[in-house]
């Protein structure tokens, strides 16, 4: 998924983006959880998905440590 793919062929780009992003988390846009996600959060989530996909496709980050990442997430 690229940024251009996220917004391509959408009459209402934010609504299409909402569907695509929330689908990744198995959340329906009209559910309570889906309605709780505002546009700003949605854009941040979409950007992170694009970055994650790019990194996973390219495997360009040999210094990434899943263990250190997990520890950092636990610390907040």
Protein backbone atom coordinates (compact mmCIF):
# COMPACT_ATOMS: atom_id res chain seq x y z
CA UNK A 1 0.00 0.00 0.00
CA UNK A 2 1.37 3.38 -0.97
CA UNK A 3 0.07 6.85 -0.22
CA UNK A 4 -1.16 7.23 -3.79
CA UNK A 5 -2.95 3.88 -3.59
CA UNK A 6 -4.72 5.00 -0.43
CA UNK A 7 -6.27 8.00 -2.12
CA UNK A 8 -6.60 6.76 -5.71
CA UNK A 9 -10.03 6.64 -7.31
CA UNK A 10 -11.85 7.92 -4.24
CA UNK A 11 -14.67 10.40 -4.60
CA UNK A 12 -14.38 11.10 -0.88
CA UNK A 13 -10.72 10.50 -0.05
CA UNK A 14 -11.05 10.66 3.74
CA UNK A 15 -13.92 8.18 3.78
CA UNK A 16 -11.99 5.77 1.57
CA UNK A 17 -8.88 6.24 3.69
CA UNK A 18 -10.96 5.57 6.83
CA UNK A 19 -12.17 2.26 5.37
CA UNK A 20 -8.70 1.18 4.28
CA UNK A 21 -6.95 2.05 7.53
CA UNK A 22 -9.59 0.69 9.89
CA UNK A 23 -9.82 -2.49 7.81
CA UNK A 24 -6.20 -3.18 8.73
CA UNK A 25 -7.29 -3.32 12.38
CA UNK A 26 -10.54 -5.20 11.75
CA UNK A 27 -12.60 -2.21 12.84
CA UNK A 28 -15.75 -1.15 11.01
CA UNK A 29 -15.84 2.63 10.41
CA UNK A 30 -19.40 2.90 11.72
CA UNK A 31 -18.67 0.92 14.90
CA UNK A 32 -18.12 2.69 18.21
CA UNK A 33 -14.36 2.16 17.89
CA UNK A 34 -14.33 3.39 14.30
CA UNK A 35 -16.27 6.55 15.10
CA UNK A 36 -13.85 7.30 17.94
CA UNK A 37 -10.94 7.71 15.49
CA UNK A 38 -10.76 11.33 14.37
CA UNK A 39 -9.29 12.48 11.04
CA UNK A 40 -5.97 13.49 12.59
CA UNK A 41 -5.48 10.10 14.20
CA UNK A 42 -6.54 8.43 10.99
CA UNK A 43 -3.90 10.30 8.97
CA UNK A 44 -1.21 9.37 11.50
CA UNK A 45 -2.26 5.73 11.34
CA UNK A 46 -2.23 5.79 7.53
CA UNK A 47 1.22 7.35 7.45
CA UNK A 48 2.57 4.70 9.82
CA UNK A 49 1.04 1.92 7.72
CA UNK A 50 2.70 3.31 4.59
CA UNK A 51 6.07 3.59 6.34
CA UNK A 52 5.78 0.11 7.83
CA UNK A 53 4.96 -1.38 4.45
CA UNK A 54 7.86 0.38 2.78
CA UNK A 55 10.30 -0.86 5.41
CA UNK A 56 8.99 -4.41 5.31
CA UNK A 57 9.17 -4.52 1.52
CA UNK A 58 12.67 -3.09 1.30
CA UNK A 59 14.18 -4.65 4.43
CA UNK A 60 16.40 -1.58 4.58
CA UNK A 61 16.72 -1.27 8.34
CA UNK A 62 19.32 -3.78 9.53
CA UNK A 63 19.76 -1.85 12.79
CA UNK A 64 16.14 -2.44 13.85
CA UNK A 65 15.86 -4.58 16.96
CA UNK A 66 12.45 -6.07 17.66
CA UNK A 67 13.51 -6.67 21.25
CA UNK A 68 14.50 -3.03 21.82
CA UNK A 69 11.31 -1.86 20.12
CA UNK A 70 9.21 -4.08 22.35
CA UNK A 71 11.00 -2.79 25.46
CA UNK A 72 10.47 0.81 24.37
CA UNK A 73 6.76 0.17 23.76
CA UNK A 74 6.41 -1.27 27.27
CA UNK A 75 8.03 1.84 28.76
CA UNK A 76 5.66 4.04 26.77
